[in-house]
C-alpha cells in the first residue's frame, strides 16, 4: 500500500523507480533522528559562567582529561567533536590559579553518570 502511494507520487517523474525509495529513506532518517537525537538534546545544556580558578589537574582515570576546580564547581577540559574543539591543552595552559575567567561550557547530563561541564572557551576577565 505504501509503495503504491509513493509510486503514484513519482509516476510521471524520471525517478519513478527509485523516487519512492528515496522518500522512504528520508522518512526513516527523520524518524531515527527524532527517536535518537531528541532525548539526547533534552539532556544537554550550554552556557556562559564567570569562574575563579582554585586548582587544576590532569585526570588520568575516568577519561575526563584535564580537571579545573573553581568556585562554581569542577569542570572538565577535554576535546569535543560535537563542538569542534581541539585546543584543550592550550586552554589548560592558559588558565591560571587565582584568576577569573568567563567560560563557555557544554554539559551532557546522563542520570546514571556524573559528568562534568566541559569548558569550550575561556576568556580572562580584567580587574
PDB file of N, CA and C in Angstrom:
ATOM      1  N   UNK A   1       0.823  -1.189   0.000  1.00  0.00           N
ATOM      2  CA  UNK A   1       0.000   0.000   0.000  1.00  0.00           C
ATOM      3  C   UNK A   1       0.871   1.258   0.000  1.00  0.00           C
ATOM      4  N   UNK A   2       1.916   1.287   0.847  1.00  0.00           N
ATOM      5  CA  UNK A   2       2.797   2.447   0.899  1.00  0.00           C
ATOM      6  C   UNK A   2       3.527   2.604  -0.422  1.00  0.00           C
ATOM      7  N   UNK A   3       4.014   1.468  -0.972  1.00  0.00           N
ATOM      8  CA  UNK A   3       4.734   1.523  -2.239  1.00  0.00           C
ATOM      9  C   UNK A   3       3.832   2.047  -3.349  1.00  0.00           C
ATOM     10  N   UNK A   4       2.576   1.638  -3.377  1.00  0.00           N
ATOM     11  CA  UNK A   4       1.631   2.117  -4.394  1.00  0.00           C
ATOM     12  C   UNK A   4       1.429   3.614  -4.247  1.00  0.00           C
ATOM     13  N   UNK A   5       1.299   4.102  -3.014  1.00  0.00           N
ATOM     14  CA  UNK A   5       1.112   5.535  -2.765  1.00  0.00           C
ATOM     15  C   UNK A   5       2.303   6.337  -3.273  1.00  0.00           C
ATOM     16  N   UNK A   6       3.531   5.896  -2.921  1.00  0.00           N
ATOM     17  CA  UNK A   6       4.717   6.619  -3.342  1.00  0.00           C
ATOM     18  C   UNK A   6       4.951   6.499  -4.849  1.00  0.00           C
ATOM     19  N   UNK A   7       4.641   5.374  -5.445  1.00  0.00           N
ATOM     20  CA  UNK A   7       4.775   5.235  -6.897  1.00  0.00           C
ATOM     21  C   UNK A   7       3.823   6.171  -7.618  1.00  0.00           C
ATOM     22  N   UNK A   8       2.611   6.365  -7.076  1.00  0.00           N
ATOM     23  CA  UNK A   8       1.677   7.321  -7.671  1.00  0.00           C
ATOM     24  C   UNK A   8       2.247   8.730  -7.625  1.00  0.00           C
ATOM     25  N   UNK A   9       2.960   9.063  -6.560  1.00  0.00           N
ATOM     26  CA  UNK A   9       3.554  10.382  -6.440  1.00  0.00           C
ATOM     27  C   UNK A   9       4.621  10.625  -7.502  1.00  0.00           C
ATOM     28  N   UNK A  10       5.379   9.594  -7.811  1.00  0.00           N
ATOM     29  CA  UNK A  10       6.508   9.733  -8.733  1.00  0.00           C
ATOM     30  C   UNK A  10       6.251   9.113 -10.108  1.00  0.00           C
ATOM     31  N   UNK A  11       5.018   8.844 -10.432  1.00  0.00           N
ATOM     32  CA  UNK A  11       4.697   8.119 -11.662  1.00  0.00           C
ATOM     33  C   UNK A  11       5.192   8.841 -12.907  1.00  0.00           C
ATOM     34  N   UNK A  12       5.041  10.153 -12.961  1.00  0.00           N
ATOM     35  CA  UNK A  12       5.436  10.890 -14.153  1.00  0.00           C
ATOM     36  C   UNK A  12       6.874  11.393 -14.065  1.00  0.00           C
ATOM     37  N   UNK A  13       7.564  11.107 -13.007  1.00  0.00           N
ATOM     38  CA  UNK A  13       8.935  11.554 -12.805  1.00  0.00           C
ATOM     39  C   UNK A  13       9.930  10.555 -13.388  1.00  0.00           C
ATOM     40  N   UNK A  14      11.138  11.048 -13.690  1.00  0.00           N
ATOM     41  CA  UNK A  14      12.198  10.155 -14.143  1.00  0.00           C
ATOM     42  C   UNK A  14      12.700   9.289 -12.997  1.00  0.00           C
ATOM     43  N   UNK A  15      12.397   9.686 -11.779  1.00  0.00           N
ATOM     44  CA  UNK A  15      12.811   8.936 -10.607  1.00  0.00           C
ATOM     45  C   UNK A  15      11.734   7.960 -10.150  1.00  0.00           C
ATOM     46  N   UNK A  16      10.830   7.613 -11.037  1.00  0.00           N
ATOM     47  CA  UNK A  16       9.707   6.759 -10.646  1.00  0.00           C
ATOM     48  C   UNK A  16      10.181   5.457 -10.016  1.00  0.00           C
ATOM     49  N   UNK A  17      11.278   4.901 -10.488  1.00  0.00           N
ATOM     50  CA  UNK A  17      11.763   3.635  -9.946  1.00  0.00           C
ATOM     51  C   UNK A  17      12.394   3.772  -8.576  1.00  0.00           C
ATOM     52  N   UNK A  18      13.150   4.859  -8.353  1.00  0.00           N
ATOM     53  CA  UNK A  18      13.859   4.981  -7.078  1.00  0.00           C
ATOM     54  C   UNK A  18      13.346   6.144  -6.235  1.00  0.00           C
ATOM     55  N   UNK A  19      12.436   6.924  -6.756  1.00  0.00           N
ATOM     56  CA  UNK A  19      11.902   8.071  -6.007  1.00  0.00           C
ATOM     57  C   UNK A  19      11.235   7.651  -4.718  1.00  0.00           C
ATOM     58  N   UNK A  20      10.479   6.578  -4.781  1.00  0.00           N
ATOM     59  CA  UNK A  20       9.801   6.098  -3.578  1.00  0.00           C
ATOM     60  C   UNK A  20      10.822   5.641  -2.551  1.00  0.00           C
ATOM     61  N   UNK A  21      11.887   5.002  -3.018  1.00  0.00           N
ATOM     62  CA  UNK A  21      12.927   4.548  -2.095  1.00  0.00           C
ATOM     63  C   UNK A  21      13.599   5.732  -1.416  1.00  0.00           C
ATOM     64  N   UNK A  22      13.844   6.784  -2.169  1.00  0.00           N
ATOM     65  CA  UNK A  22      14.462   7.980  -1.603  1.00  0.00           C
ATOM     66  C   UNK A  22      13.541   8.612  -0.567  1.00  0.00           C
ATOM     67  N   UNK A  23      12.284   8.732  -0.899  1.00  0.00           N
ATOM     68  CA  UNK A  23      11.315   9.330   0.016  1.00  0.00           C
ATOM     69  C   UNK A  23      11.167   8.503   1.288  1.00  0.00           C
ATOM     70  N   UNK A  24      11.114   7.207   1.149  1.00  0.00           N
ATOM     71  CA  UNK A  24      11.018   6.328   2.318  1.00  0.00           C
ATOM     72  C   UNK A  24      12.301   6.419   3.147  1.00  0.00           C
ATOM     73  N   UNK A  25      13.456   6.494   2.483  1.00  0.00           N
ATOM     74  CA  UNK A  25      14.727   6.631   3.183  1.00  0.00           C
ATOM     75  C   UNK A  25      14.801   7.921   3.985  1.00  0.00           C
ATOM     76  N   UNK A  26      14.347   9.012   3.393  1.00  0.00           N
ATOM     77  CA  UNK A  26      14.324  10.288   4.105  1.00  0.00           C
ATOM     78  C   UNK A  26      13.391  10.212   5.305  1.00  0.00           C
ATOM     79  N   UNK A  27      12.233   9.607   5.128  1.00  0.00           N
ATOM     80  CA  UNK A  27      11.285   9.439   6.224  1.00  0.00           C
ATOM     81  C   UNK A  27      11.902   8.621   7.363  1.00  0.00           C
ATOM     82  N   UNK A  28      12.606   7.556   7.026  1.00  0.00           N
ATOM     83  CA  UNK A  28      13.238   6.708   8.046  1.00  0.00           C
ATOM     84  C   UNK A  28      14.340   7.483   8.779  1.00  0.00           C
ATOM     85  N   UNK A  29      15.135   8.262   8.045  1.00  0.00           N
ATOM     86  CA  UNK A  29      16.182   9.063   8.685  1.00  0.00           C
ATOM     87  C   UNK A  29      15.593  10.094   9.647  1.00  0.00           C
ATOM     88  N   UNK A  30      14.508  10.737   9.251  1.00  0.00           N
ATOM     89  CA  UNK A  30      13.844  11.706  10.133  1.00  0.00           C
ATOM     90  C   UNK A  30      13.316  11.007  11.377  1.00  0.00           C
ATOM     91  N   UNK A  31      12.755   9.831  11.202  1.00  0.00           N
ATOM     92  CA  UNK A  31      12.227   9.063  12.332  1.00  0.00           C
ATOM     93  C   UNK A  31      13.355   8.668  13.290  1.00  0.00           C
ATOM     94  N   UNK A  32      14.459   8.165  12.751  1.00  0.00           N
ATOM     95  CA  UNK A  32      15.597   7.771  13.590  1.00  0.00           C
ATOM     96  C   UNK A  32      16.160   8.992  14.313  1.00  0.00           C
ATOM     97  N   UNK A  33      16.296  10.105  13.606  1.00  0.00           N
ATOM     98  CA  UNK A  33      16.802  11.340  14.194  1.00  0.00           C
ATOM     99  C   UNK A  33      15.932  11.782  15.373  1.00  0.00           C
ATOM    100  N   UNK A  34      14.621  11.747  15.191  1.00  0.00           N
ATOM    101  CA  UNK A  34      13.736  12.205  16.259  1.00  0.00           C
ATOM    102  C   UNK A  34      13.711  11.240  17.437  1.00  0.00           C
ATOM    103  N   UNK A  35      13.897   9.960  17.193  1.00  0.00           N
ATOM    104  CA  UNK A  35      13.913   8.980  18.282  1.00  0.00           C
ATOM    105  C   UNK A  35      15.228   9.037  19.051  1.00  0.00           C
ATOM    106  N   UNK A  36      16.346   9.203  18.339  1.00  0.00           N
ATOM    107  CA  UNK A  36      17.655   9.155  18.979  1.00  0.00           C
ATOM    108  C   UNK A  36      18.098  10.526  19.484  1.00  0.00           C
ATOM    109  N   UNK A  37      18.006  11.565  18.649  1.00  0.00           N
ATOM    110  CA  UNK A  37      18.593  12.851  18.991  1.00  0.00           C
ATOM    111  C   UNK A  37      17.773  13.642  20.008  1.00  0.00           C
ATOM    112  N   UNK A  38      16.464  13.621  19.914  1.00  0.00           N
ATOM    113  CA  UNK A  38      15.645  14.442  20.817  1.00  0.00           C
ATOM    114  C   UNK A  38      15.858  14.103  22.291  1.00  0.00           C
ATOM    115  N   UNK A  39      15.883  12.839  22.684  1.00  0.00           N
ATOM    116  CA  UNK A  39      16.167  12.558  24.099  1.00  0.00           C
ATOM    117  C   UNK A  39      17.572  12.983  24.520  1.00  0.00           C
ATOM    118  N   UNK A  40      18.538  12.897  23.609  1.00  0.00           N
ATOM    119  CA  UNK A  40      19.904  13.322  23.923  1.00  0.00           C
ATOM    120  C   UNK A  40      19.957  14.840  24.068  1.00  0.00           C
ATOM    121  N   UNK A  41      19.338  15.556  23.128  1.00  0.00           N
ATOM    122  CA  UNK A  41      19.365  17.016  23.155  1.00  0.00           C
ATOM    123  C   UNK A  41      18.684  17.569  24.397  1.00  0.00           C
ATOM    124  N   UNK A  42      17.691  16.873  24.907  1.00  0.00           N
ATOM    125  CA  UNK A  42      16.996  17.367  26.098  1.00  0.00           C
ATOM    126  C   UNK A  42      17.859  17.233  27.345  1.00  0.00           C
ATOM    127  N   UNK A  43      18.940  16.509  27.278  1.00  0.00           N
ATOM    128  CA  UNK A  43      19.818  16.322  28.433  1.00  0.00           C
ATOM    129  C   UNK A  43      21.126  17.098  28.291  1.00  0.00           C
ATOM    130  N   UNK A  44      21.187  18.026  27.374  1.00  0.00           N
ATOM    131  CA  UNK A  44      22.387  18.832  27.207  1.00  0.00           C
ATOM    132  C   UNK A  44      22.089  20.275  27.572  1.00  0.00           C
ATOM    133  N   UNK A  45      23.112  20.978  27.976  1.00  0.00           N
ATOM    134  CA  UNK A  45      22.986  22.401  28.220  1.00  0.00           C
ATOM    135  C   UNK A  45      24.296  23.073  27.867  1.00  0.00           C
ATOM    136  N   UNK A  46      24.194  24.305  27.517  1.00  0.00           N
ATOM    137  CA  UNK A  46      25.362  25.088  27.149  1.00  0.00           C
ATOM    138  C   UNK A  46      25.146  26.487  27.695  1.00  0.00           C
ATOM    139  N   UNK A  47      26.211  27.117  28.140  1.00  0.00           N
ATOM    140  CA  UNK A  47      26.053  28.464  28.663  1.00  0.00           C
ATOM    141  C   UNK A  47      27.380  29.121  28.960  1.00  0.00           C
ATOM    142  N   UNK A  48      27.265  30.300  29.555  1.00  0.00           N
ATOM    143  CA  UNK A  48      28.433  31.080  29.948  1.00  0.00           C
ATOM    144  C   UNK A  48      28.399  31.274  31.456  1.00  0.00           C
ATOM    145  N   UNK A  49      29.581  31.281  32.073  1.00  0.00           N
ATOM    146  CA  UNK A  49      29.667  31.440  33.519  1.00  0.00           C
ATOM    147  C   UNK A  49      31.001  32.096  33.856  1.00  0.00           C
ATOM    148  N   UNK A  50      30.984  32.964  34.847  1.00  0.00           N
ATOM    149  CA  UNK A  50      32.217  33.571  35.331  1.00  0.00           C
ATOM    150  C   UNK A  50      32.716  32.744  36.508  1.00  0.00           C
ATOM    151  N   UNK A  51      33.953  32.284  36.408  1.00  0.00           N
ATOM    152  CA  UNK A  51      34.520  31.393  37.425  1.00  0.00           C
ATOM    153  C   UNK A  51      35.894  31.898  37.862  1.00  0.00           C
ATOM    154  N   UNK A  52      36.286  31.511  39.061  1.00  0.00           N
ATOM    155  CA  UNK A  52      37.632  31.767  39.562  1.00  0.00           C
ATOM    156  C   UNK A  52      38.311  30.416  39.756  1.00  0.00           C
ATOM    157  N   UNK A  53      39.511  30.281  39.217  1.00  0.00           N
ATOM    158  CA  UNK A  53      40.238  29.016  39.261  1.00  0.00           C
ATOM    159  C   UNK A  53      40.851  28.813  40.645  1.00  0.00           C
ATOM    160  N   UNK A  54      40.524  27.695  41.287  1.00  0.00           N
ATOM    161  CA  UNK A  54      41.118  27.333  42.577  1.00  0.00           C
ATOM    162  C   UNK A  54      42.290  26.374  42.406  1.00  0.00           C
ATOM    163  N   UNK A  55      42.160  25.454  41.440  1.00  0.00           N
ATOM    164  CA  UNK A  55      43.204  24.458  41.199  1.00  0.00           C
ATOM    165  C   UNK A  55      42.925  23.808  39.850  1.00  0.00           C
ATOM    166  N   UNK A  56      43.903  23.106  39.318  1.00  0.00           N
ATOM    167  CA  UNK A  56      43.708  22.355  38.081  1.00  0.00           C
ATOM    168  C   UNK A  56      44.605  21.137  38.106  1.00  0.00           C
ATOM    169  N   UNK A  57      44.178  20.089  37.398  1.00  0.00           N
ATOM    170  CA  UNK A  57      44.951  18.850  37.418  1.00  0.00           C
ATOM    171  C   UNK A  57      44.686  18.042  36.154  1.00  0.00           C
ATOM    172  N   UNK A  58      45.494  17.010  35.987  1.00  0.00           N
ATOM    173  CA  UNK A  58      45.295  16.055  34.905  1.00  0.00           C
ATOM    174  C   UNK A  58      44.632  14.827  35.503  1.00  0.00           C
ATOM    175  N   UNK A  59      43.513  14.431  34.948  1.00  0.00           N
ATOM    176  CA  UNK A  59      42.793  13.246  35.427  1.00  0.00           C
ATOM    177  C   UNK A  59      43.141  12.076  34.517  1.00  0.00           C
ATOM    178  N   UNK A  60      43.961  11.172  35.003  1.00  0.00           N
ATOM    179  CA  UNK A  60      44.360  10.023  34.185  1.00  0.00           C
ATOM    180  C   UNK A  60      43.370   8.874  34.289  1.00  0.00           C
ATOM    181  N   UNK A  61      42.448   8.962  35.222  1.00  0.00           N
ATOM    182  CA  UNK A  61      41.431   7.927  35.374  1.00  0.00           C
ATOM    183  C   UNK A  61      40.061   8.518  35.065  1.00  0.00           C
ATOM    184  N   UNK A  62      39.208   7.748  34.444  1.00  0.00           N
ATOM    185  CA  UNK A  62      37.850   8.195  34.187  1.00  0.00           C
ATOM    186  C   UNK A  62      37.648   8.891  32.863  1.00  0.00           C
ATOM    187  N   UNK A  63      38.703   9.146  32.121  1.00  0.00           N
ATOM    188  CA  UNK A  63      38.560   9.707  30.781  1.00  0.00           C
ATOM    189  C   UNK A  63      38.150  11.161  30.720  1.00  0.00           C
ATOM    190  N   UNK A  64      38.275  11.921  31.809  1.00  0.00           N
ATOM    191  CA  UNK A  64      37.861  13.318  31.789  1.00  0.00           C
ATOM    192  C   UNK A  64      38.958  14.249  31.292  1.00  0.00           C
ATOM    193  N   UNK A  65      40.170  13.764  31.068  1.00  0.00           N
ATOM    194  CA  UNK A  65      41.251  14.623  30.590  1.00  0.00           C
ATOM    195  C   UNK A  65      41.725  15.545  31.686  1.00  0.00           C
ATOM    196  N   UNK A  66      41.626  16.844  31.464  1.00  0.00           N
ATOM    197  CA  UNK A  66      42.015  17.831  32.464  1.00  0.00           C
ATOM    198  C   UNK A  66      40.809  18.176  33.343  1.00  0.00           C
ATOM    199  N   UNK A  67      41.082  18.439  34.616  1.00  0.00           N
ATOM    200  CA  UNK A  67      40.045  18.912  35.522  1.00  0.00           C
ATOM    201  C   UNK A  67      40.407  20.310  35.999  1.00  0.00           C
ATOM    202  N   UNK A  68      39.388  21.155  36.146  1.00  0.00           N
ATOM    203  CA  UNK A  68      39.575  22.522  36.609  1.00  0.00           C
ATOM    204  C   UNK A  68      38.653  22.720  37.808  1.00  0.00           C
ATOM    205  N   UNK A  69      39.250  23.033  38.959  1.00  0.00           N
ATOM    206  CA  UNK A  69      38.490  23.230  40.189  1.00  0.00           C
ATOM    207  C   UNK A  69      38.251  24.727  40.364  1.00  0.00           C
ATOM    208  N   UNK A  70      36.987  25.111  40.504  1.00  0.00           N
ATOM    209  CA  UNK A  70      36.628  26.528  40.548  1.00  0.00           C
ATOM    210  C   UNK A  70      35.723  26.814  41.739  1.00  0.00           C
ATOM    211  N   UNK A  71      35.399  28.090  41.887  1.00  0.00           N
ATOM    212  CA  UNK A  71      34.459  28.493  42.930  1.00  0.00           C
ATOM    213  C   UNK A  71      33.028  28.076  42.591  1.00  0.00           C
ATOM    214  N   UNK A  72      32.768  27.646  41.359  1.00  0.00           N
ATOM    215  CA  UNK A  72      31.434  27.221  40.930  1.00  0.00           C
ATOM    216  C   UNK A  72      31.346  25.713  40.705  1.00  0.00           C
ATOM    217  N   UNK A  73      32.352  24.979  41.159  1.00  0.00           N
ATOM    218  CA  UNK A  73      32.342  23.534  40.979  1.00  0.00           C
ATOM    219  C   UNK A  73      33.490  23.057  40.112  1.00  0.00           C
ATOM    220  N   UNK A  74      33.473  21.782  39.797  1.00  0.00           N
ATOM    221  CA  UNK A  74      34.527  21.167  38.999  1.00  0.00           C
ATOM    222  C   UNK A  74      34.104  21.145  37.533  1.00  0.00           C
ATOM    223  N   UNK A  75      35.018  21.528  36.668  1.00  0.00           N
ATOM    224  CA  UNK A  75      34.805  21.496  35.230  1.00  0.00           C
ATOM    225  C   UNK A  75      35.818  20.547  34.605  1.00  0.00           C
ATOM    226  N   UNK A  76      35.440  19.951  33.495  1.00  0.00           N
ATOM    227  CA  UNK A  76      36.383  19.173  32.696  1.00  0.00           C
ATOM    228  C   UNK A  76      36.879  20.069  31.567  1.00  0.00           C
ATOM    229  N   UNK A  77      38.024  19.748  31.055  1.00  0.00           N
ATOM    230  CA  UNK A  77      38.564  20.427  29.884  1.00  0.00           C
ATOM    231  C   UNK A  77      39.055  19.332  28.947  1.00  0.00           C
ATOM    232  N   UNK A  78      38.226  18.990  27.968  1.00  0.00           N
ATOM    233  CA  UNK A  78      38.548  17.901  27.043  1.00  0.00           C
ATOM    234  C   UNK A  78      38.109  18.276  25.634  1.00  0.00           C
ATOM    235  N   UNK A  79      38.702  17.608  24.652  1.00  0.00           N
ATOM    236  CA  UNK A  79      38.326  17.846  23.265  1.00  0.00           C
ATOM    237  C   UNK A  79      36.873  17.447  23.042  1.00  0.00           C
ATOM    238  N   UNK A  80      36.246  18.082  22.052  1.00  0.00           N
ATOM    239  CA  UNK A  80      34.845  17.803  21.767  1.00  0.00           C
ATOM    240  C   UNK A  80      34.620  17.777  20.263  1.00  0.00           C
ATOM    241  N   UNK A  81      34.238  16.626  19.766  1.00  0.00           N
ATOM    242  CA  UNK A  81      33.913  16.502  18.348  1.00  0.00           C
ATOM    243  C   UNK A  81      32.652  17.302  18.042  1.00  0.00           C
ATOM    244  N   UNK A  82      31.693  17.246  18.946  1.00  0.00           N
ATOM    245  CA  UNK A  82      30.412  17.931  18.748  1.00  0.00           C
ATOM    246  C   UNK A  82      30.588  19.440  18.590  1.00  0.00           C
ATOM    247  N   UNK A  83      31.510  20.029  19.335  1.00  0.00           N
ATOM    248  CA  UNK A  83      31.741  21.470  19.291  1.00  0.00           C
ATOM    249  C   UNK A  83      32.997  21.829  18.500  1.00  0.00           C
ATOM    250  N   UNK A  84      33.621  20.840  17.866  1.00  0.00           N
ATOM    251  CA  UNK A  84      34.812  21.046  17.026  1.00  0.00           C
ATOM    252  C   UNK A  84      35.904  21.757  17.828  1.00  0.00           C
ATOM    253  N   UNK A  85      36.151  21.255  19.042  1.00  0.00           N
ATOM    254  CA  UNK A  85      37.148  21.827  19.945  1.00  0.00           C
ATOM    255  C   UNK A  85      38.351  20.894  20.022  1.00  0.00           C
ATOM    256  N   UNK A  86      39.509  21.409  19.643  1.00  0.00           N
ATOM    257  CA  UNK A  86      40.726  20.592  19.628  1.00  0.00           C
ATOM    258  C   UNK A  86      41.873  21.270  20.361  1.00  0.00           C
ATOM    259  N   UNK A  87      41.615  22.340  21.122  1.00  0.00           N
ATOM    260  CA  UNK A  87      42.688  23.110  21.773  1.00  0.00           C
ATOM    261  C   UNK A  87      42.677  22.961  23.292  1.00  0.00           C
ATOM    262  N   UNK A  88      42.373  21.766  23.763  1.00  0.00           N
ATOM    263  CA  UNK A  88      42.254  21.514  25.195  1.00  0.00           C
ATOM    264  C   UNK A  88      43.528  21.863  25.952  1.00  0.00           C
ATOM    265  N   UNK A  89      44.673  21.422  25.474  1.00  0.00           N
ATOM    266  CA  UNK A  89      45.945  21.690  26.163  1.00  0.00           C
ATOM    267  C   UNK A  89      46.249  23.180  26.205  1.00  0.00           C
ATOM    268  N   UNK A  90      45.919  23.901  25.133  1.00  0.00           N
ATOM    269  CA  UNK A  90      46.142  25.352  25.107  1.00  0.00           C
ATOM    270  C   UNK A  90      45.292  26.057  26.160  1.00  0.00           C
ATOM    271  N   UNK A  91      44.027  25.658  26.264  1.00  0.00           N
ATOM    272  CA  UNK A  91      43.142  26.269  27.266  1.00  0.00           C
ATOM    273  C   UNK A  91      43.641  25.952  28.672  1.00  0.00           C
ATOM    274  N   UNK A  92      44.026  24.706  28.911  1.00  0.00           N
ATOM    275  CA  UNK A  92      44.508  24.312  30.244  1.00  0.00           C
ATOM    276  C   UNK A  92      45.757  25.106  30.621  1.00  0.00           C
ATOM    277  N   UNK A  93      46.634  25.324  29.662  1.00  0.00           N
ATOM    278  CA  UNK A  93      47.849  26.093  29.915  1.00  0.00           C
ATOM    279  C   UNK A  93      47.532  27.570  30.175  1.00  0.00           C
ATOM    280  N   UNK A  94      46.507  28.092  29.532  1.00  0.00           N
ATOM    281  CA  UNK A  94      46.103  29.497  29.675  1.00  0.00           C
ATOM    282  C   UNK A  94      45.520  29.784  31.061  1.00  0.00           C
ATOM    283  N   UNK A  95      44.821  28.826  31.650  1.00  0.00           N
ATOM    284  CA  UNK A  95      44.159  29.026  32.933  1.00  0.00           C
ATOM    285  C   UNK A  95      45.181  29.146  34.058  1.00  0.00           C
ATOM    286  N   UNK A  96      45.062  30.208  34.852  1.00  0.00           N
ATOM    287  CA  UNK A  96      45.981  30.443  35.970  1.00  0.00           C
ATOM    288  C   UNK A  96      45.198  30.425  37.275  1.00  0.00           C
ATOM    289  N   UNK A  97      45.765  29.764  38.277  1.00  0.00           N
ATOM    290  CA  UNK A  97      45.129  29.662  39.592  1.00  0.00           C
ATOM    291  C   UNK A  97      44.988  31.057  40.198  1.00  0.00           C
ATOM    292  N   UNK A  98      43.786  31.337  40.719  1.00  0.00           N
ATOM    293  CA  UNK A  98      43.502  32.632  41.336  1.00  0.00           C
ATOM    294  C   UNK A  98      42.911  33.656  40.385  1.00  0.00           C
ATOM    295  N   UNK A  99      42.966  33.384  39.073  1.00  0.00           N
ATOM    296  CA  UNK A  99      42.427  34.314  38.079  1.00  0.00           C
ATOM    297  C   UNK A  99      40.959  34.013  37.799  1.00  0.00           C
ATOM    298  N   UNK A 100      40.244  35.029  37.287  1.00  0.00           N
ATOM    299  CA  UNK A 100      38.819  34.903  36.965  1.00  0.00           C
ATOM    300  C   UNK A 100      38.647  34.882  35.457  1.00  0.00           C
ATOM    301  N   UNK A 101      37.782  33.982  34.994  1.00  0.00           N
ATOM    302  CA  UNK A 101      37.546  33.789  33.563  1.00  0.00           C
ATOM    303  C   UNK A 101      36.057  33.698  33.287  1.00  0.00           C
ATOM    304  N   UNK A 102      35.680  34.147  32.103  1.00  0.00           N
ATOM    305  CA  UNK A 102      34.334  33.849  31.611  1.00  0.00           C
ATOM    306  C   UNK A 102      34.485  32.640  30.698  1.00  0.00           C
ATOM    307  N   UNK A 103      33.806  31.551  31.040  1.00  0.00           N
ATOM    308  CA  UNK A 103      33.934  30.332  30.256  1.00  0.00           C
ATOM    309  C   UNK A 103      32.622  30.025  29.545  1.00  0.00           C
ATOM    310  N   UNK A 104      32.763  29.492  28.367  1.00  0.00           N
ATOM    311  CA  UNK A 104      31.639  28.922  27.628  1.00  0.00           C
ATOM    312  C   UNK A 104      31.750  27.424  27.841  1.00  0.00           C
ATOM    313  N   UNK A 105      30.697  26.813  28.352  1.00  0.00           N
ATOM    314  CA  UNK A 105      30.751  25.400  28.684  1.00  0.00           C
ATOM    315  C   UNK A 105      29.619  24.642  28.006  1.00  0.00           C
ATOM    316  N   UNK A 106      29.800  23.342  27.929  1.00  0.00           N
ATOM    317  CA  UNK A 106      28.762  22.440  27.434  1.00  0.00           C
ATOM    318  C   UNK A 106      28.675  21.292  28.416  1.00  0.00           C
ATOM    319  N   UNK A 107      27.446  20.846  28.650  1.00  0.00           N
ATOM    320  CA  UNK A 107      27.236  19.784  29.621  1.00  0.00           C
ATOM    321  C   UNK A 107      26.288  18.768  29.040  1.00  0.00           C
ATOM    322  N   UNK A 108      26.706  17.536  29.045  1.00  0.00           N
ATOM    323  CA  UNK A 108      25.883  16.416  28.586  1.00  0.00           C
ATOM    324  C   UNK A 108      25.544  15.593  29.810  1.00  0.00           C
ATOM    325  N   UNK A 109      24.313  15.697  30.283  1.00  0.00           N
ATOM    326  CA  UNK A 109      23.916  15.057  31.535  1.00  0.00           C
ATOM    327  C   UNK A 109      23.266  13.706  31.267  1.00  0.00           C
ATOM    328  N   UNK A 110      23.831  12.697  31.877  1.00  0.00           N
ATOM    329  CA  UNK A 110      23.244  11.363  31.862  1.00  0.00           C
ATOM    330  C   UNK A 110      22.972  11.008  33.320  1.00  0.00           C
ATOM    331  N   UNK A 111      21.722  10.718  33.681  1.00  0.00           N
ATOM    332  CA  UNK A 111      21.403  10.479  35.094  1.00  0.00           C
ATOM    333  C   UNK A 111      22.243   9.384  35.756  1.00  0.00           C
ATOM    334  N   UNK A 112      22.656   8.388  34.997  1.00  0.00           N
ATOM    335  CA  UNK A 112      23.431   7.291  35.566  1.00  0.00           C
ATOM    336  C   UNK A 112      24.860   7.715  35.920  1.00  0.00           C
ATOM    337  N   UNK A 113      25.393   8.686  35.176  1.00  0.00           N
ATOM    338  CA  UNK A 113      26.770   9.136  35.379  1.00  0.00           C
ATOM    339  C   UNK A 113      26.778  10.551  35.940  1.00  0.00           C
ATOM    340  N   UNK A 114      27.916  10.957  36.450  1.00  0.00           N
ATOM    341  CA  UNK A 114      28.086  12.317  36.942  1.00  0.00           C
ATOM    342  C   UNK A 114      29.209  12.958  36.143  1.00  0.00           C
ATOM    343  N   UNK A 115      28.894  13.424  34.960  1.00  0.00           N
ATOM    344  CA  UNK A 115      29.894  14.029  34.095  1.00  0.00           C
ATOM    345  C   UNK A 115      30.015  15.513  34.390  1.00  0.00           C
ATOM    346  N   UNK A 116      31.225  16.047  34.197  1.00  0.00           N
ATOM    347  CA  UNK A 116      31.495  17.452  34.461  1.00  0.00           C
ATOM    348  C   UNK A 116      31.147  18.308  33.252  1.00  0.00           C
ATOM    349  N   UNK A 117      30.897  19.586  33.512  1.00  0.00           N
ATOM    350  CA  UNK A 117      30.719  20.546  32.425  1.00  0.00           C
ATOM    351  C   UNK A 117      32.062  20.700  31.716  1.00  0.00           C
ATOM    352  N   UNK A 118      32.030  20.723  30.386  1.00  0.00           N
ATOM    353  CA  UNK A 118      33.248  20.823  29.585  1.00  0.00           C
ATOM    354  C   UNK A 118      33.476  22.275  29.179  1.00  0.00           C
ATOM    355  N   UNK A 119      34.656  22.790  29.477  1.00  0.00           N
ATOM    356  CA  UNK A 119      34.997  24.158  29.089  1.00  0.00           C
ATOM    357  C   UNK A 119      35.310  24.181  27.597  1.00  0.00           C
ATOM    358  N   UNK A 120      34.586  25.032  26.864  1.00  0.00           N
ATOM    359  CA  UNK A 120      34.826  25.167  25.418  1.00  0.00           C
ATOM    360  C   UNK A 120      35.752  26.336  25.124  1.00  0.00           C
ATOM    361  N   UNK A 121      35.530  27.451  25.799  1.00  0.00           N
ATOM    362  CA  UNK A 121      36.401  28.621  25.665  1.00  0.00           C
ATOM    363  C   UNK A 121      36.562  29.258  27.033  1.00  0.00           C
ATOM    364  N   UNK A 122      37.651  29.982  27.214  1.00  0.00           N
ATOM    365  CA  UNK A 122      37.903  30.702  28.471  1.00  0.00           C
ATOM    366  C   UNK A 122      38.529  32.044  28.147  1.00  0.00           C
ATOM    367  N   UNK A 123      37.883  33.106  28.624  1.00  0.00           N
ATOM    368  CA  UNK A 123      38.377  34.454  28.385  1.00  0.00           C
ATOM    369  C   UNK A 123      38.646  35.111  29.734  1.00  0.00           C
ATOM    370  N   UNK A 124      39.885  35.557  29.943  1.00  0.00           N
ATOM    371  CA  UNK A 124      40.250  36.160  31.225  1.00  0.00           C
ATOM    372  C   UNK A 124      39.505  37.468  31.419  1.00  0.00           C
ATOM    373  N   UNK A 125      39.011  37.662  32.639  1.00  0.00           N
ATOM    374  CA  UNK A 125      38.288  38.878  32.988  1.00  0.00           C
ATOM    375  C   UNK A 125      39.263  39.900  33.531  1.00  0.00           C
ATOM    376  N   UNK A 126      39.167  41.140  33.054  1.00  0.00           N
ATOM    377  CA  UNK A 126      40.050  42.206  33.530  1.00  0.00           C
ATOM    378  C   UNK A 126      39.661  42.662  34.921  1.00  0.00           C
ATOM    379  N   UNK A 127      40.642  43.147  35.642  1.00  0.00           N
ATOM    380  CA  UNK A 127      40.403  43.635  37.011  1.00  0.00           C
ATOM    381  C   UNK A 127      39.705  44.965  36.964  1.00  0.00           C
TER     382      UNK A 127
END
